[in-house]
């Protein structure tokens, strides 16, 4: 029986590639997504399609109301920045940062992993071409792994040694696009845009779209997801 792993799956490029990496490494993957009050459900539709296409053993979507907390352009009435340069994106923490989001998501993944008897958790964070989020850094991943082994019955009793895998953390967006292509990920199923157009296309101007466009251009591949700009 294949070793089980919980994989955080947003429906975006990075998480889809991470799921493909985990499956390629031989794990039986349990994909975990969150309906957390984000601006749109488009990425959750993508998560379901990606999980099915790649062959996740199970796909679970949990509902959390982070909109009740707010504090982010993705969960509150704050405008999503558009048209920022790569230099601007690389500096500071933007308003699209959702307070403690990856800590919250990993905590739920850890709970499910303990129930499943899984010792491995995969997260698609990236510390190179990313939007300045503090919970995408290697230090954060390492700290959460230590926490996981202190905070669980399975860890304390020595039945499990939890590992948090971040296989894309030191890769550029172009390298991630190329890796996804190499693994046969159907990138038309993925979704990155923070604020889709009314006609269903990606806006092409938010930070996430800007980084995605940069990645495809540098990888010399054509993005199959249509963008308005």
C-alpha atoms as a PDB file:
ATOM      1  CA  UNK A   1       0.000   0.000   0.000  1.00  0.00           C
ATOM      2  CA  UNK A   2       1.342   3.414  -0.985  1.00  0.00           C
ATOM      3  CA  UNK A   3       2.402   5.838   1.720  1.00  0.00           C
ATOM      4  CA  UNK A   4      -0.296   8.415   2.370  1.00  0.00           C
ATOM      5  CA  UNK A   5       0.240  12.163   2.135  1.00  0.00           C
ATOM      6  CA  UNK A   6      -2.007  15.194   2.598  1.00  0.00           C
ATOM      7  CA  UNK A   7      -1.516  17.806  -0.133  1.00  0.00           C
ATOM      8  CA  UNK A   8      -2.832  21.357   0.171  1.00  0.00           C
ATOM      9  CA  UNK A   9      -4.557  22.154  -3.127  1.00  0.00           C
ATOM     10  CA  UNK A  10      -5.813  25.645  -3.958  1.00  0.00           C
ATOM     11  CA  UNK A  11      -6.339  24.986  -7.649  1.00  0.00           C
ATOM     12  CA  UNK A  12      -3.440  27.235  -8.599  1.00  0.00           C
ATOM     13  CA  UNK A  13      -0.332  26.514 -10.618  1.00  0.00           C
ATOM     14  CA  UNK A  14       1.943  25.884  -7.629  1.00  0.00           C
ATOM     15  CA  UNK A  15      -0.360  23.583  -5.680  1.00  0.00           C
ATOM     16  CA  UNK A  16      -1.299  21.583  -8.795  1.00  0.00           C
ATOM     17  CA  UNK A  17       2.386  21.052  -9.543  1.00  0.00           C
ATOM     18  CA  UNK A  18       2.999  20.066  -5.924  1.00  0.00           C
ATOM     19  CA  UNK A  19       0.244  17.443  -6.118  1.00  0.00           C
ATOM     20  CA  UNK A  20       1.790  16.092  -9.327  1.00  0.00           C
ATOM     21  CA  UNK A  21       5.218  15.937  -7.657  1.00  0.00           C
ATOM     22  CA  UNK A  22       3.809  14.032  -4.651  1.00  0.00           C
ATOM     23  CA  UNK A  23       2.011  11.548  -6.919  1.00  0.00           C
ATOM     24  CA  UNK A  24       5.161  11.109  -9.033  1.00  0.00           C
ATOM     25  CA  UNK A  25       7.067  10.312  -5.824  1.00  0.00           C
ATOM     26  CA  UNK A  26       4.651   7.457  -5.183  1.00  0.00           C
ATOM     27  CA  UNK A  27       2.407   8.881  -2.488  1.00  0.00           C
ATOM     28  CA  UNK A  28      -1.304   8.121  -2.203  1.00  0.00           C
ATOM     29  CA  UNK A  29      -2.456  11.730  -2.098  1.00  0.00           C
ATOM     30  CA  UNK A  30      -5.322  13.161  -0.096  1.00  0.00           C
ATOM     31  CA  UNK A  31      -5.963  16.650  -1.453  1.00  0.00           C
ATOM     32  CA  UNK A  32      -7.240  19.346   0.911  1.00  0.00           C
ATOM     33  CA  UNK A  33      -8.844  22.603  -0.241  1.00  0.00           C
ATOM     34  CA  UNK A  34     -10.542  25.428   1.633  1.00  0.00           C
ATOM     35  CA  UNK A  35     -13.650  27.475   0.966  1.00  0.00           C
ATOM     36  CA  UNK A  36     -12.505  30.233   3.288  1.00  0.00           C
ATOM     37  CA  UNK A  37     -14.530  33.211   2.095  1.00  0.00           C
ATOM     38  CA  UNK A  38     -12.171  34.149  -0.715  1.00  0.00           C
ATOM     39  CA  UNK A  39     -13.372  36.573  -3.392  1.00  0.00           C
ATOM     40  CA  UNK A  40     -14.466  33.878  -5.844  1.00  0.00           C
ATOM     41  CA  UNK A  41     -15.075  30.137  -6.085  1.00  0.00           C
ATOM     42  CA  UNK A  42     -13.251  29.793  -9.408  1.00  0.00           C
ATOM     43  CA  UNK A  43     -10.098  28.396  -7.813  1.00  0.00           C
ATOM     44  CA  UNK A  44     -12.127  25.751  -5.950  1.00  0.00           C
ATOM     45  CA  UNK A  45     -13.609  24.578  -9.250  1.00  0.00           C
ATOM     46  CA  UNK A  46     -10.042  24.245 -10.522  1.00  0.00           C
ATOM     47  CA  UNK A  47      -8.962  22.361  -7.403  1.00  0.00           C
ATOM     48  CA  UNK A  48     -11.660  19.749  -7.983  1.00  0.00           C
ATOM     49  CA  UNK A  49     -10.717  19.328 -11.636  1.00  0.00           C
ATOM     50  CA  UNK A  50      -6.985  19.128 -10.865  1.00  0.00           C
ATOM     51  CA  UNK A  51      -7.500  16.565  -8.086  1.00  0.00           C
ATOM     52  CA  UNK A  52      -9.582  14.372 -10.410  1.00  0.00           C
ATOM     53  CA  UNK A  53      -7.252  14.744 -13.397  1.00  0.00           C
ATOM     54  CA  UNK A  54      -4.095  13.919 -11.445  1.00  0.00           C
ATOM     55  CA  UNK A  55      -5.650  11.028  -9.547  1.00  0.00           C
ATOM     56  CA  UNK A  56      -5.851  12.172  -5.930  1.00  0.00           C
ATOM     57  CA  UNK A  57      -7.086   9.349  -3.715  1.00  0.00           C
ATOM     58  CA  UNK A  58      -9.569  11.727  -2.078  1.00  0.00           C
ATOM     59  CA  UNK A  59     -10.345  15.453  -2.301  1.00  0.00           C
ATOM     60  CA  UNK A  60     -11.776  17.190   0.751  1.00  0.00           C
ATOM     61  CA  UNK A  61     -12.913  20.829   0.849  1.00  0.00           C
ATOM     62  CA  UNK A  62     -13.308  22.386   4.284  1.00  0.00           C
ATOM     63  CA  UNK A  63     -15.320  25.533   4.933  1.00  0.00           C
ATOM     64  CA  UNK A  64     -13.762  28.261   7.055  1.00  0.00           C
ATOM     65  CA  UNK A  65     -15.064  31.806   7.378  1.00  0.00           C
ATOM     66  CA  UNK A  66     -11.913  33.891   7.207  1.00  0.00           C
ATOM     67  CA  UNK A  67     -14.035  36.707   5.780  1.00  0.00           C
ATOM     68  CA  UNK A  68     -15.348  37.184   9.334  1.00  0.00           C
ATOM     69  CA  UNK A  69     -11.793  38.129  10.304  1.00  0.00           C
ATOM     70  CA  UNK A  70     -11.019  40.082   7.128  1.00  0.00           C
ATOM     71  CA  UNK A  71      -7.749  41.986   6.915  1.00  0.00           C
ATOM     72  CA  UNK A  72      -6.974  41.024   3.312  1.00  0.00           C
ATOM     73  CA  UNK A  73      -7.986  42.055  -0.191  1.00  0.00           C
ATOM     74  CA  UNK A  74      -8.954  38.395  -0.711  1.00  0.00           C
ATOM     75  CA  UNK A  75     -11.332  38.237   2.253  1.00  0.00           C
ATOM     76  CA  UNK A  76     -12.434  41.828   2.851  1.00  0.00           C
ATOM     77  CA  UNK A  77     -13.534  45.012   1.121  1.00  0.00           C
ATOM     78  CA  UNK A  78     -10.031  46.045   0.078  1.00  0.00           C
ATOM     79  CA  UNK A  79      -9.132  46.618  -3.566  1.00  0.00           C
ATOM     80  CA  UNK A  80      -6.902  44.046  -5.257  1.00  0.00           C
ATOM     81  CA  UNK A  81      -3.740  45.780  -6.549  1.00  0.00           C
ATOM     82  CA  UNK A  82      -3.465  45.786 -10.343  1.00  0.00           C
ATOM     83  CA  UNK A  83      -0.659  46.513 -12.774  1.00  0.00           C
ATOM     84  CA  UNK A  84       2.229  46.442 -10.320  1.00  0.00           C
ATOM     85  CA  UNK A  85       5.740  45.916 -11.623  1.00  0.00           C
ATOM     86  CA  UNK A  86       7.789  42.828 -10.775  1.00  0.00           C
ATOM     87  CA  UNK A  87      10.002  45.090  -8.666  1.00  0.00           C
ATOM     88  CA  UNK A  88       7.033  46.402  -6.683  1.00  0.00           C
ATOM     89  CA  UNK A  89       5.676  42.887  -6.173  1.00  0.00           C
ATOM     90  CA  UNK A  90       9.062  41.771  -4.808  1.00  0.00           C
ATOM     91  CA  UNK A  91       9.062  44.358  -2.011  1.00  0.00           C
ATOM     92  CA  UNK A  92       6.913  44.350   1.101  1.00  0.00           C
ATOM     93  CA  UNK A  93       3.849  42.357   2.117  1.00  0.00           C
ATOM     94  CA  UNK A  94       0.834  43.177  -0.097  1.00  0.00           C
ATOM     95  CA  UNK A  95      -2.813  43.577   0.907  1.00  0.00           C
ATOM     96  CA  UNK A  96      -3.568  40.192  -0.709  1.00  0.00           C
ATOM     97  CA  UNK A  97      -1.794  38.514   2.227  1.00  0.00           C
ATOM     98  CA  UNK A  98      -4.431  36.618   4.240  1.00  0.00           C
ATOM     99  CA  UNK A  99      -3.469  36.759   7.940  1.00  0.00           C
ATOM    100  CA  UNK A 100      -1.884  33.456   9.040  1.00  0.00           C
ATOM    101  CA  UNK A 101      -3.504  31.584   6.129  1.00  0.00           C
ATOM    102  CA  UNK A 102      -0.843  28.916   5.606  1.00  0.00           C
ATOM    103  CA  UNK A 103      -0.596  28.324   9.363  1.00  0.00           C
ATOM    104  CA  UNK A 104      -4.367  27.799   9.464  1.00  0.00           C
ATOM    105  CA  UNK A 105      -4.339  25.542   6.394  1.00  0.00           C
ATOM    106  CA  UNK A 106      -1.388  23.460   7.582  1.00  0.00           C
ATOM    107  CA  UNK A 107      -3.016  22.999  10.992  1.00  0.00           C
ATOM    108  CA  UNK A 108      -6.038  21.417   9.310  1.00  0.00           C
ATOM    109  CA  UNK A 109      -3.802  19.327   7.056  1.00  0.00           C
ATOM    110  CA  UNK A 110      -1.955  18.112  10.150  1.00  0.00           C
ATOM    111  CA  UNK A 111      -5.206  17.080  11.822  1.00  0.00           C
ATOM    112  CA  UNK A 112      -6.316  15.132   8.774  1.00  0.00           C
ATOM    113  CA  UNK A 113      -2.866  13.554   8.399  1.00  0.00           C
ATOM    114  CA  UNK A 114      -2.991  12.316  11.980  1.00  0.00           C
ATOM    115  CA  UNK A 115      -6.411  10.735  11.388  1.00  0.00           C
ATOM    116  CA  UNK A 116      -5.235   9.141   8.109  1.00  0.00           C
ATOM    117  CA  UNK A 117      -2.037   7.827   9.660  1.00  0.00           C
ATOM    118  CA  UNK A 118      -0.079   9.950   7.175  1.00  0.00           C
ATOM    119  CA  UNK A 119       3.281  11.421   8.102  1.00  0.00           C
ATOM    120  CA  UNK A 120       3.755  13.620   5.043  1.00  0.00           C
ATOM    121  CA  UNK A 121       2.174  16.972   4.222  1.00  0.00           C
ATOM    122  CA  UNK A 122       2.835  18.810   0.957  1.00  0.00           C
ATOM    123  CA  UNK A 123       2.422  22.548   0.446  1.00  0.00           C
ATOM    124  CA  UNK A 124       3.122  24.514  -2.736  1.00  0.00           C
ATOM    125  CA  UNK A 125       4.757  27.579  -1.191  1.00  0.00           C
ATOM    126  CA  UNK A 126       7.448  29.379  -3.138  1.00  0.00           C
ATOM    127  CA  UNK A 127      10.063  31.829  -1.836  1.00  0.00           C
ATOM    128  CA  UNK A 128      11.442  33.167  -5.131  1.00  0.00           C
ATOM    129  CA  UNK A 129       8.752  34.438  -7.514  1.00  0.00           C
ATOM    130  CA  UNK A 130       6.071  35.127  -4.932  1.00  0.00           C
ATOM    131  CA  UNK A 131       4.194  38.089  -3.501  1.00  0.00           C
ATOM    132  CA  UNK A 132       6.138  38.668  -0.290  1.00  0.00           C
ATOM    133  CA  UNK A 133       4.070  36.456   1.998  1.00  0.00           C
ATOM    134  CA  UNK A 134       5.825  35.618   5.298  1.00  0.00           C
ATOM    135  CA  UNK A 135       4.223  32.157   5.407  1.00  0.00           C
ATOM    136  CA  UNK A 136       5.897  31.091   2.158  1.00  0.00           C
ATOM    137  CA  UNK A 137       9.459  31.100   3.535  1.00  0.00           C
ATOM    138  CA  UNK A 138      11.634  28.061   4.358  1.00  0.00           C
ATOM    139  CA  UNK A 139      11.885  29.214   7.989  1.00  0.00           C
ATOM    140  CA  UNK A 140       8.111  29.003   8.308  1.00  0.00           C
ATOM    141  CA  UNK A 141       7.925  25.497   6.821  1.00  0.00           C
ATOM    142  CA  UNK A 142      10.702  24.253   9.117  1.00  0.00           C
ATOM    143  CA  UNK A 143       9.048  25.820  12.172  1.00  0.00           C
ATOM    144  CA  UNK A 144       5.680  24.257  11.365  1.00  0.00           C
ATOM    145  CA  UNK A 145       7.275  20.839  10.967  1.00  0.00           C
ATOM    146  CA  UNK A 146       8.748  21.151  14.458  1.00  0.00           C
ATOM    147  CA  UNK A 147       5.352  22.247  15.758  1.00  0.00           C
ATOM    148  CA  UNK A 148       3.628  19.295  14.086  1.00  0.00           C
ATOM    149  CA  UNK A 149       5.737  16.833  16.039  1.00  0.00           C
ATOM    150  CA  UNK A 150       5.157  18.666  19.333  1.00  0.00           C
ATOM    151  CA  UNK A 151       1.427  19.258  18.936  1.00  0.00           C
ATOM    152  CA  UNK A 152       0.069  15.808  18.057  1.00  0.00           C
ATOM    153  CA  UNK A 153      -0.586  12.569  19.883  1.00  0.00           C
ATOM    154  CA  UNK A 154       1.058  10.655  17.054  1.00  0.00           C
ATOM    155  CA  UNK A 155       4.165  12.832  17.309  1.00  0.00           C
ATOM    156  CA  UNK A 156       4.456  12.746  21.094  1.00  0.00           C
ATOM    157  CA  UNK A 157       3.911   8.992  21.285  1.00  0.00           C
ATOM    158  CA  UNK A 158       6.497   8.437  18.556  1.00  0.00           C
ATOM    159  CA  UNK A 159       4.066   6.771  16.161  1.00  0.00           C
ATOM    160  CA  UNK A 160       4.698   9.403  13.524  1.00  0.00           C
ATOM    161  CA  UNK A 161       7.467  11.714  12.468  1.00  0.00           C
ATOM    162  CA  UNK A 162       5.656  14.402  10.518  1.00  0.00           C
ATOM    163  CA  UNK A 163       7.393  15.948   7.535  1.00  0.00           C
ATOM    164  CA  UNK A 164       6.257  19.090   5.742  1.00  0.00           C
ATOM    165  CA  UNK A 165       7.368  19.011   2.102  1.00  0.00           C
ATOM    166  CA  UNK A 166       7.670  22.212   0.068  1.00  0.00           C
ATOM    167  CA  UNK A 167       9.157  20.887  -3.190  1.00  0.00           C
ATOM    168  CA  UNK A 168       8.808  24.203  -5.061  1.00  0.00           C
ATOM    169  CA  UNK A 169      10.106  26.539  -2.381  1.00  0.00           C
ATOM    170  CA  UNK A 170      13.378  27.393  -4.103  1.00  0.00           C
ATOM    171  CA  UNK A 171      12.112  27.301  -7.684  1.00  0.00           C
ATOM    172  CA  UNK A 172      11.302  30.243  -9.913  1.00  0.00           C
ATOM    173  CA  UNK A 173       7.854  30.492 -11.451  1.00  0.00           C
ATOM    174  CA  UNK A 174       9.394  29.537 -14.813  1.00  0.00           C
ATOM    175  CA  UNK A 175      10.891  26.397 -13.274  1.00  0.00           C
ATOM    176  CA  UNK A 176       7.506  25.528 -11.752  1.00  0.00           C
ATOM    177  CA  UNK A 177       5.757  25.953 -15.108  1.00  0.00           C
ATOM    178  CA  UNK A 178       8.386  23.756 -16.757  1.00  0.00           C
ATOM    179  CA  UNK A 179       8.088  21.120 -14.018  1.00  0.00           C
ATOM    180  CA  UNK A 180       4.303  21.042 -14.365  1.00  0.00           C
ATOM    181  CA  UNK A 181       4.640  20.628 -18.125  1.00  0.00           C
ATOM    182  CA  UNK A 182       7.175  17.822 -17.618  1.00  0.00           C
ATOM    183  CA  UNK A 183       4.818  16.014 -15.214  1.00  0.00           C
ATOM    184  CA  UNK A 184       1.909  16.288 -17.624  1.00  0.00           C
ATOM    185  CA  UNK A 185      -0.210  18.654 -15.552  1.00  0.00           C
ATOM    186  CA  UNK A 186      -3.107  20.053 -17.580  1.00  0.00           C
ATOM    187  CA  UNK A 187      -2.398  23.719 -16.846  1.00  0.00           C
ATOM    188  CA  UNK A 188      -5.673  24.765 -18.486  1.00  0.00           C
ATOM    189  CA  UNK A 189      -7.370  23.413 -15.352  1.00  0.00           C
ATOM    190  CA  UNK A 190      -5.404  25.645 -12.983  1.00  0.00           C
ATOM    191  CA  UNK A 191      -6.401  29.110 -11.815  1.00  0.00           C
ATOM    192  CA  UNK A 192      -4.225  31.899 -10.406  1.00  0.00           C
ATOM    193  CA  UNK A 193      -6.168  35.162 -10.760  1.00  0.00           C
ATOM    194  CA  UNK A 194      -7.256  37.001  -7.619  1.00  0.00           C
ATOM    195  CA  UNK A 195     -10.129  38.850  -9.305  1.00  0.00           C
ATOM    196  CA  UNK A 196     -11.591  37.277 -12.467  1.00  0.00           C
ATOM    197  CA  UNK A 197     -13.314  39.390 -15.117  1.00  0.00           C
ATOM    198  CA  UNK A 198     -17.079  39.188 -15.481  1.00  0.00           C
ATOM    199  CA  UNK A 199     -16.650  37.189 -18.682  1.00  0.00           C
ATOM    200  CA  UNK A 200     -14.723  34.522 -16.761  1.00  0.00           C
ATOM    201  CA  UNK A 201     -11.241  35.369 -18.006  1.00  0.00           C
ATOM    202  CA  UNK A 202      -8.321  35.977 -15.666  1.00  0.00           C
ATOM    203  CA  UNK A 203      -7.711  39.709 -15.198  1.00  0.00           C
ATOM    204  CA  UNK A 204      -4.057  39.549 -16.266  1.00  0.00           C
ATOM    205  CA  UNK A 205      -3.170  42.501 -14.028  1.00  0.00           C
ATOM    206  CA  UNK A 206      -3.191  41.292 -10.404  1.00  0.00           C
ATOM    207  CA  UNK A 207       0.086  40.208  -8.793  1.00  0.00           C
ATOM    208  CA  UNK A 208      -0.741  36.527  -9.218  1.00  0.00           C
ATOM    209  CA  UNK A 209      -1.515  36.930 -12.932  1.00  0.00           C
ATOM    210  CA  UNK A 210       1.645  39.012 -13.396  1.00  0.00           C
ATOM    211  CA  UNK A 211       3.828  36.315 -11.811  1.00  0.00           C
ATOM    212  CA  UNK A 212       2.067  33.611 -13.832  1.00  0.00           C
ATOM    213  CA  UNK A 213       2.646  35.485 -17.103  1.00  0.00           C
ATOM    214  CA  UNK A 214       6.312  35.990 -16.186  1.00  0.00           C
ATOM    215  CA  UNK A 215       6.684  32.266 -15.467  1.00  0.00           C
ATOM    216  CA  UNK A 216       5.160  31.120 -18.750  1.00  0.00           C
ATOM    217  CA  UNK A 217       7.144  33.680 -20.754  1.00  0.00           C
ATOM    218  CA  UNK A 218      10.448  32.663 -19.170  1.00  0.00           C
ATOM    219  CA  UNK A 219       9.617  28.968 -19.609  1.00  0.00           C
ATOM    220  CA  UNK A 220       8.801  29.719 -23.265  1.00  0.00           C
ATOM    221  CA  UNK A 221       5.422  28.050 -22.994  1.00  0.00           C
ATOM    222  CA  UNK A 222       1.945  29.322 -23.858  1.00  0.00           C
ATOM    223  CA  UNK A 223      -0.493  29.716 -20.975  1.00  0.00           C
ATOM    224  CA  UNK A 224      -3.733  27.919 -21.907  1.00  0.00           C
ATOM    225  CA  UNK A 225      -5.756  30.055 -19.459  1.00  0.00           C
ATOM    226  CA  UNK A 226      -7.121  33.157 -21.228  1.00  0.00           C
ATOM    227  CA  UNK A 227      -6.340  36.552 -19.698  1.00  0.00           C
ATOM    228  CA  UNK A 228      -8.142  39.840 -20.360  1.00  0.00           C
ATOM    229  CA  UNK A 229      -4.948  41.919 -20.386  1.00  0.00           C
END
